[in-house]
Amino acid sequence: MKTAPTGLVTLLGTGQFVFCDLYQFTLATGQVLRYTTSDVDITYAGNTYSSALFFDQSGSKAVGHWKTGLDVDTWQVYAMPVGVDPVTGASFPIKIGTTPWLAAVAAGAIQGAQVDIHRAYWPSWPQPWTSPLAAFSDGSGTYVIVDYFAGRVAAVDVMRNQAVISVNSWIDQFRLMMPRNLWQAACRWTLFDAGCTLSQAAFAKTGTAQVGSTQSQIVTTGLAQPSGYFALGQVTMTSGLNSGFRRMVKSFDGVILSLIAPFPFTVAVGDSFTAYPGCNKSIADCTNKFNNFVNFGGEDLVPRPETAV
C-alpha cells in the first residue's frame, strides 16, 4: 500500500480537483508510446504524453479492478485515434512507426506491451489553456500517483474506429505453471538474443539474386557457405520491389535459398539481400557453426522424450 502525499490527501478532501491519466506503452520492440487523457499534452519526468489519442467514450470510461490477495487486477480502456488532423488535414496522423495507429494495433503492435498508468491531479485546469502542461510530483500544487496501475496488455479488441485494450496486472505472471527455464536437450535461447550473446550483424552475408530466382527461392552466388548453413535462418531483401521484406529460410544447398513463405513481389536478377544463418538449437550447431559452446543453453545429456526407458 502506497502512502499518498499529504497535499494530495488535502486536495482530494476539498472535493474540487481535476485529473488525467498518463499511459505509457513499452512495446515488444522496445519502442515507447506515451499518451494522456487530457485535452492538452502533458510533460512529466522529462517525457511528453500526447493528447492526440482519445481515451474513453461517453458511458464507457476506463474501468479498473483491484483485488486483495493474488487475484489478477485488471484495467480496460477504449482508445480512438483521430481520422484527420484538424490543423493540417492529414489523414490518420497518429502512427506507430510509419503505420496508422489503429492498423498497427490490429496487426498486433501492442500485444504483450508493458503498460504503466500514472494519474496526475491539479486543483483546476490552467486558464488560459497551455500545451504542453507540466505535471510534477512535488509540492508545486500538482500531484502524480506513480504506477497507478501497471501490467501487460492481455487482449485487444479492434473495432471500426477504436480499440478496447485490456491490461492484466503483473500478478498475472504467477499463473504461468512452469519454471523460468526448462531442463531440455535443446538450447533454450533464441539465436542472437541476450542469452545467446552472439551478434547477428557479425554473421550477415550479402549477395544479389541470380537468374532462376523466384518469389519462393533465391539463387545466390558468392556466399561461400556450406549446404545447410542458412537453414532456419533469415533473408532480408535490401533492394528491389521486396526491399525491407524478410522471410525464413527452409533449406540451403550451397547455392539456392529455399524460403518457407514466398516474397510478395517478383525477385528480379540483381536484387540485393542479406542472409543470416539459422540454428537448430543443438550442441553440435552451437559448437561447430557458431563456436559458442560456452553459452549453450541446453542440457545435452537429457534424453529425448521418445527415448525408450
Protein backbone atom coordinates (compact mmCIF):
# COMPACT_ATOMS: atom_id res chain seq x y z
CA MET A 1 0.00 0.00 0.00
CA LYS A 2 1.47 3.35 -1.07
CA THR A 3 1.24 6.47 1.04
CA ALA A 4 -0.35 9.44 -0.74
CA PRO A 5 1.33 12.86 -0.36
CA THR A 6 -0.25 15.00 2.35
CA GLY A 7 -1.02 17.70 -0.21
CA LEU A 8 -2.91 15.24 -2.38
CA VAL A 9 -4.97 14.00 0.56
CA THR A 10 -5.87 17.60 1.36
CA LEU A 11 -6.75 18.31 -2.28
CA LEU A 12 -8.99 15.26 -2.56
CA GLY A 13 -10.65 16.24 0.69
CA THR A 14 -11.81 19.53 -0.84
CA GLY A 15 -13.80 17.67 -3.49
CA GLN A 16 -12.65 20.23 -6.06
CA PHE A 17 -9.94 18.94 -8.34
CA VAL A 18 -9.24 17.79 -11.88
CA PHE A 19 -7.12 14.89 -13.06
CA CYS A 20 -5.93 12.97 -16.09
CA ASP A 21 -4.27 9.63 -16.70
CA LEU A 22 -0.85 9.18 -18.27
CA TYR A 23 -0.43 5.99 -20.32
CA GLN A 24 2.96 4.57 -21.19
CA PHE A 25 3.17 1.53 -23.53
CA THR A 26 6.52 -0.23 -23.91
CA LEU A 27 6.22 -2.43 -26.99
CA ALA A 28 7.96 -5.74 -27.53
CA THR A 29 10.27 -3.92 -29.97
CA GLY A 30 11.39 -1.55 -27.20
CA GLN A 31 9.52 1.44 -28.67
CA VAL A 32 7.78 3.54 -26.01
CA LEU A 33 4.42 5.23 -26.67
CA ARG A 34 3.05 7.87 -24.29
CA TYR A 35 -0.48 9.26 -24.28
CA THR A 36 -2.68 11.25 -21.92
CA THR A 37 -6.41 11.51 -21.41
CA SER A 38 -6.05 15.28 -21.08
CA ASP A 39 -7.10 17.70 -23.81
CA VAL A 40 -3.54 19.04 -23.95
CA ASP A 41 -0.13 17.38 -23.99
CA ILE A 42 1.37 16.68 -20.57
CA THR A 43 5.07 16.73 -19.70
CA TYR A 44 6.16 14.57 -16.79
CA ALA A 45 9.57 13.24 -15.73
CA GLY A 46 11.17 14.63 -18.87
CA ASN A 47 8.70 12.93 -21.23
CA THR A 48 5.77 14.28 -23.25
CA TYR A 49 2.44 12.45 -23.17
CA SER A 50 0.47 13.13 -26.34
CA SER A 51 -3.19 14.17 -26.24
CA ALA A 52 -3.71 13.16 -29.89
CA LEU A 53 -5.22 9.79 -28.95
CA PHE A 54 -8.71 9.89 -27.44
CA PHE A 55 -9.36 7.63 -24.46
CA ASP A 56 -12.75 6.53 -23.12
CA GLN A 57 -16.10 7.48 -24.54
CA SER A 58 -19.44 8.58 -23.15
CA GLY A 59 -20.74 5.81 -20.93
CA SER A 60 -17.58 3.69 -21.35
CA LYS A 61 -14.96 5.07 -19.02
CA ALA A 62 -11.73 3.27 -18.16
CA VAL A 63 -12.51 0.55 -15.65
CA GLY A 64 -10.01 -0.78 -13.13
CA HIS A 65 -10.50 -3.66 -10.71
CA TRP A 66 -8.16 -4.08 -7.76
CA LYS A 67 -8.39 -7.20 -5.61
CA THR A 68 -6.75 -8.45 -2.44
CA GLY A 69 -4.53 -11.49 -2.40
CA LEU A 70 -3.09 -12.98 -5.59
CA ASP A 71 -6.13 -12.39 -7.79
CA VAL A 72 -5.23 -10.58 -11.01
CA ASP A 73 -6.07 -6.86 -11.15
CA THR A 74 -7.45 -5.65 -14.48
CA TRP A 75 -7.78 -2.40 -16.41
CA GLN A 76 -9.84 -1.80 -19.54
CA VAL A 77 -9.92 1.33 -21.65
CA TYR A 78 -11.26 2.49 -25.03
CA ALA A 79 -8.76 4.24 -27.33
CA MET A 80 -9.69 6.04 -30.54
CA PRO A 81 -7.28 7.82 -32.91
CA VAL A 82 -8.49 10.80 -34.91
CA GLY A 83 -9.06 10.12 -38.60
CA VAL A 84 -7.96 13.55 -39.79
CA ASP A 85 -5.60 16.13 -38.31
CA PRO A 86 -7.83 19.18 -37.59
CA VAL A 87 -4.99 21.58 -38.36
CA THR A 88 -3.15 20.10 -41.35
CA GLY A 89 -5.94 17.93 -42.77
CA ALA A 90 -3.61 14.92 -42.97
CA SER A 91 -5.31 11.51 -42.80
CA PHE A 92 -4.55 9.19 -39.89
CA PRO A 93 -1.94 11.46 -38.28
CA ILE A 94 -1.36 9.19 -35.26
CA LYS A 95 1.02 6.39 -36.15
CA ILE A 96 3.08 3.62 -34.59
CA GLY A 97 6.27 3.79 -36.58
CA THR A 98 5.01 4.58 -40.09
CA THR A 99 1.72 2.69 -39.79
CA PRO A 100 -1.58 4.38 -38.84
CA TRP A 101 -2.28 3.71 -35.15
CA LEU A 102 -5.41 1.56 -35.48
CA ALA A 103 -3.95 -0.50 -38.33
CA ALA A 104 -0.79 -1.13 -36.32
CA VAL A 105 -2.81 -2.18 -33.28
CA ALA A 106 -4.92 -4.52 -35.43
CA ALA A 107 -1.67 -6.08 -36.68
CA GLY A 108 -0.59 -6.79 -33.08
CA ALA A 109 1.76 -3.88 -32.39
CA ILE A 110 0.76 -3.54 -28.72
CA GLN A 111 0.14 -7.20 -27.96
CA GLY A 112 2.04 -8.09 -24.82
CA ALA A 113 3.18 -4.49 -24.31
CA GLN A 114 4.11 -3.34 -20.82
CA VAL A 115 1.73 -0.67 -19.55
CA ASP A 116 2.32 1.93 -16.84
CA ILE A 117 -0.56 4.23 -15.90
CA HIS A 118 0.01 7.33 -13.78
CA ARG A 119 -2.66 9.73 -12.58
CA ALA A 120 -2.00 13.46 -12.22
CA TYR A 121 -4.15 15.82 -10.09
CA TRP A 122 -4.49 19.61 -10.19
CA PRO A 123 -6.69 21.96 -8.15
CA SER A 124 -8.02 23.25 -11.52
CA TRP A 125 -7.10 23.43 -15.17
CA PRO A 126 -4.98 26.45 -16.10
CA GLN A 127 -6.69 29.45 -17.66
CA PRO A 128 -5.98 30.09 -20.45
CA TRP A 129 -5.07 26.61 -21.67
CA THR A 130 -1.40 25.90 -22.24
CA SER A 131 0.13 22.98 -24.11
CA PRO A 132 2.15 21.15 -23.04
CA LEU A 133 1.06 21.32 -19.41
CA ALA A 134 3.70 20.37 -16.87
CA ALA A 135 2.99 17.77 -14.19
CA PHE A 136 5.18 17.38 -11.12
CA SER A 137 5.21 15.10 -8.13
CA ASP A 138 6.46 17.69 -5.65
CA GLY A 139 4.74 20.38 -3.59
CA SER A 140 4.02 22.66 -6.55
CA GLY A 141 0.28 22.05 -6.43
CA THR A 142 0.32 19.15 -8.88
CA TYR A 143 0.38 15.59 -7.60
CA VAL A 144 1.14 12.47 -9.57
CA ILE A 145 0.41 8.97 -8.31
CA VAL A 146 3.20 6.90 -9.84
CA ASP A 147 2.21 3.44 -11.12
CA TYR A 148 -1.49 3.96 -10.53
CA PHE A 149 -1.76 0.72 -12.48
CA ALA A 150 0.92 -1.43 -14.10
CA GLY A 151 0.85 -4.63 -16.09
CA ARG A 152 0.84 -6.13 -19.54
CA VAL A 153 -1.65 -5.94 -22.42
CA ALA A 154 -3.74 -9.10 -22.26
CA ALA A 155 -6.23 -8.56 -25.09
CA VAL A 156 -7.05 -6.02 -27.79
CA ASP A 157 -10.44 -5.84 -29.49
CA VAL A 158 -10.21 -3.66 -32.61
CA MET A 159 -13.41 -2.06 -33.90
CA ARG A 160 -14.06 0.17 -36.90
CA ASN A 161 -12.70 3.36 -35.34
CA GLN A 162 -11.44 2.38 -31.89
CA ALA A 163 -9.76 -0.35 -29.87
CA VAL A 164 -10.65 -1.82 -26.48
CA ILE A 165 -7.44 -2.51 -24.58
CA SER A 166 -7.47 -4.90 -21.62
CA VAL A 167 -4.50 -4.92 -19.27
CA ASN A 168 -3.70 -7.51 -16.59
CA SER A 169 -1.52 -6.61 -13.62
CA TRP A 170 1.86 -8.25 -13.18
CA ILE A 171 0.30 -10.75 -10.76
CA ASP A 172 -0.95 -12.48 -13.91
CA GLN A 173 2.59 -13.81 -14.37
CA PHE A 174 2.11 -16.09 -11.35
CA ARG A 175 -0.43 -18.08 -13.34
CA LEU A 176 2.28 -19.48 -15.61
CA MET A 177 2.55 -23.09 -14.49
CA MET A 178 6.15 -23.66 -15.50
CA PRO A 179 9.63 -22.82 -14.22
CA ARG A 180 11.61 -19.95 -15.65
CA ASN A 181 13.89 -22.35 -17.54
CA LEU A 182 13.07 -25.88 -18.71
CA TRP A 183 15.54 -28.74 -18.48
CA GLN A 184 15.84 -29.91 -22.05
CA ALA A 185 18.41 -31.11 -24.53
CA ALA A 186 17.75 -28.25 -26.96
CA CYS A 187 19.13 -24.78 -26.26
CA ARG A 188 16.58 -22.51 -24.56
CA TRP A 189 18.00 -19.33 -26.10
CA THR A 190 16.92 -17.74 -29.36
CA LEU A 191 19.78 -17.22 -31.79
CA PHE A 192 21.35 -13.75 -31.32
CA ASP A 193 19.32 -12.91 -28.17
CA ALA A 194 20.83 -11.78 -24.86
CA GLY A 195 21.29 -15.34 -23.64
CA CYS A 196 22.99 -16.45 -26.85
CA THR A 197 25.18 -13.29 -26.80
CA LEU A 198 26.15 -13.57 -30.49
CA SER A 199 25.85 -10.52 -32.74
CA GLN A 200 23.57 -11.01 -35.73
CA ALA A 201 25.47 -8.38 -37.75
CA ALA A 202 28.68 -10.39 -37.37
CA PHE A 203 27.14 -13.32 -39.27
CA ALA A 204 25.44 -11.33 -42.03
CA LYS A 205 26.21 -12.35 -45.62
CA THR A 206 25.24 -10.14 -48.55
CA GLY A 207 24.57 -11.09 -52.14
CA THR A 208 22.46 -10.46 -55.20
CA ALA A 209 19.74 -12.60 -56.77
CA GLN A 210 20.83 -14.54 -59.86
CA VAL A 211 19.00 -15.97 -62.85
CA GLY A 212 16.43 -18.54 -61.74
CA SER A 213 15.36 -16.62 -58.62
CA THR A 214 11.64 -16.57 -57.86
CA GLN A 215 9.44 -15.35 -55.05
CA SER A 216 9.99 -18.70 -53.29
CA GLN A 217 13.70 -19.15 -53.82
CA ILE A 218 16.80 -17.06 -54.36
CA VAL A 219 19.66 -18.29 -56.49
CA THR A 220 22.84 -16.91 -54.91
CA THR A 221 26.49 -16.61 -55.71
CA GLY A 222 29.50 -15.87 -53.58
CA LEU A 223 28.01 -16.66 -50.15
CA ALA A 224 30.77 -19.23 -49.64
CA GLN A 225 28.91 -21.24 -47.01
CA PRO A 226 28.29 -24.99 -46.92
CA SER A 227 24.98 -26.69 -47.59
CA GLY A 228 22.51 -26.23 -44.74
CA TYR A 229 24.28 -23.18 -43.27
CA PHE A 230 21.32 -20.81 -43.74
CA ALA A 231 18.57 -23.37 -42.97
CA LEU A 232 16.18 -21.96 -40.33
CA GLY A 233 17.82 -18.57 -40.81
CA GLN A 234 16.52 -15.38 -42.41
CA VAL A 235 16.94 -13.47 -45.63
CA THR A 236 16.09 -9.77 -45.92
CA MET A 237 15.80 -8.04 -49.27
CA THR A 238 17.65 -4.72 -49.39
CA SER A 239 16.67 -3.54 -52.89
CA GLY A 240 14.00 -4.10 -55.50
CA LEU A 241 10.25 -4.44 -55.03
CA ASN A 242 10.69 -6.55 -51.88
CA SER A 243 13.10 -4.17 -50.16
CA GLY A 244 12.58 -4.39 -46.40
CA PHE A 245 10.69 -7.69 -46.53
CA ARG A 246 12.11 -10.66 -44.63
CA ARG A 247 11.49 -14.39 -44.98
CA MET A 248 12.63 -17.52 -43.14
CA VAL A 249 14.89 -19.94 -44.99
CA LYS A 250 13.67 -23.54 -45.29
CA SER A 251 16.82 -25.02 -46.79
CA PHE A 252 20.11 -24.08 -48.43
CA ASP A 253 22.01 -26.39 -50.80
CA GLY A 254 25.08 -24.18 -51.13
CA VAL A 255 23.57 -22.07 -53.93
CA ILE A 256 19.77 -21.80 -53.60
CA LEU A 257 17.97 -20.29 -50.59
CA SER A 258 14.57 -22.01 -50.46
CA LEU A 259 12.03 -20.00 -48.46
CA ILE A 260 9.26 -21.16 -46.15
CA ALA A 261 6.92 -18.44 -47.47
CA PRO A 262 7.26 -16.51 -50.76
CA PHE A 263 8.05 -12.83 -51.04
CA PRO A 264 5.05 -10.69 -52.02
CA PHE A 265 6.64 -9.40 -55.23
CA THR A 266 8.82 -10.75 -58.01
CA VAL A 267 12.51 -11.11 -57.18
CA ALA A 268 14.49 -9.63 -60.07
CA VAL A 269 18.02 -10.50 -61.11
CA GLY A 270 20.37 -8.13 -59.29
CA ASP A 271 18.11 -7.52 -56.28
CA SER A 272 20.37 -7.39 -53.24
CA PHE A 273 19.77 -9.26 -49.99
CA THR A 274 21.29 -10.02 -46.61
CA ALA A 275 21.21 -13.61 -45.34
CA TYR A 276 21.64 -14.79 -41.76
CA PRO A 277 22.33 -18.35 -40.60
CA GLY A 278 19.88 -20.43 -38.62
CA CYS A 279 20.37 -22.62 -35.56
CA ASN A 280 18.72 -25.97 -34.82
CA LYS A 281 19.44 -25.45 -31.09
CA SER A 282 21.72 -28.49 -30.90
CA ILE A 283 25.06 -28.54 -29.13
CA ALA A 284 26.67 -29.51 -32.44
CA ASP A 285 25.38 -26.38 -34.21
CA CYS A 286 26.34 -24.18 -31.26
CA THR A 287 29.88 -25.58 -31.21
CA ASN A 288 30.70 -26.17 -34.85
CA LYS A 289 28.79 -23.42 -36.64
CA PHE A 290 28.93 -20.61 -34.08
CA ASN A 291 31.81 -21.56 -31.75
CA ASN A 292 29.55 -20.58 -28.84
CA PHE A 293 29.57 -23.67 -26.63
CA VAL A 294 30.23 -21.58 -23.51
CA ASN A 295 26.75 -20.03 -23.87
CA PHE A 296 24.86 -23.17 -24.87
CA GLY A 297 21.51 -23.02 -23.05
CA GLY A 298 20.51 -26.68 -23.11
CA GLU A 299 21.35 -29.85 -21.21
CA ASP A 300 22.62 -32.15 -23.95
CA LEU A 301 22.56 -35.28 -21.76
CA VAL A 302 18.81 -35.04 -21.09
CA PRO A 303 17.28 -37.88 -23.15
CA ARG A 304 14.71 -37.17 -25.82
CA PRO A 305 11.07 -37.70 -24.73
CA GLU A 306 10.63 -40.54 -27.22
CA THR A 307 13.67 -42.41 -25.87
CA ALA A 308 12.67 -45.84 -24.54
CA VAL A 309 13.42 -46.44 -20.87
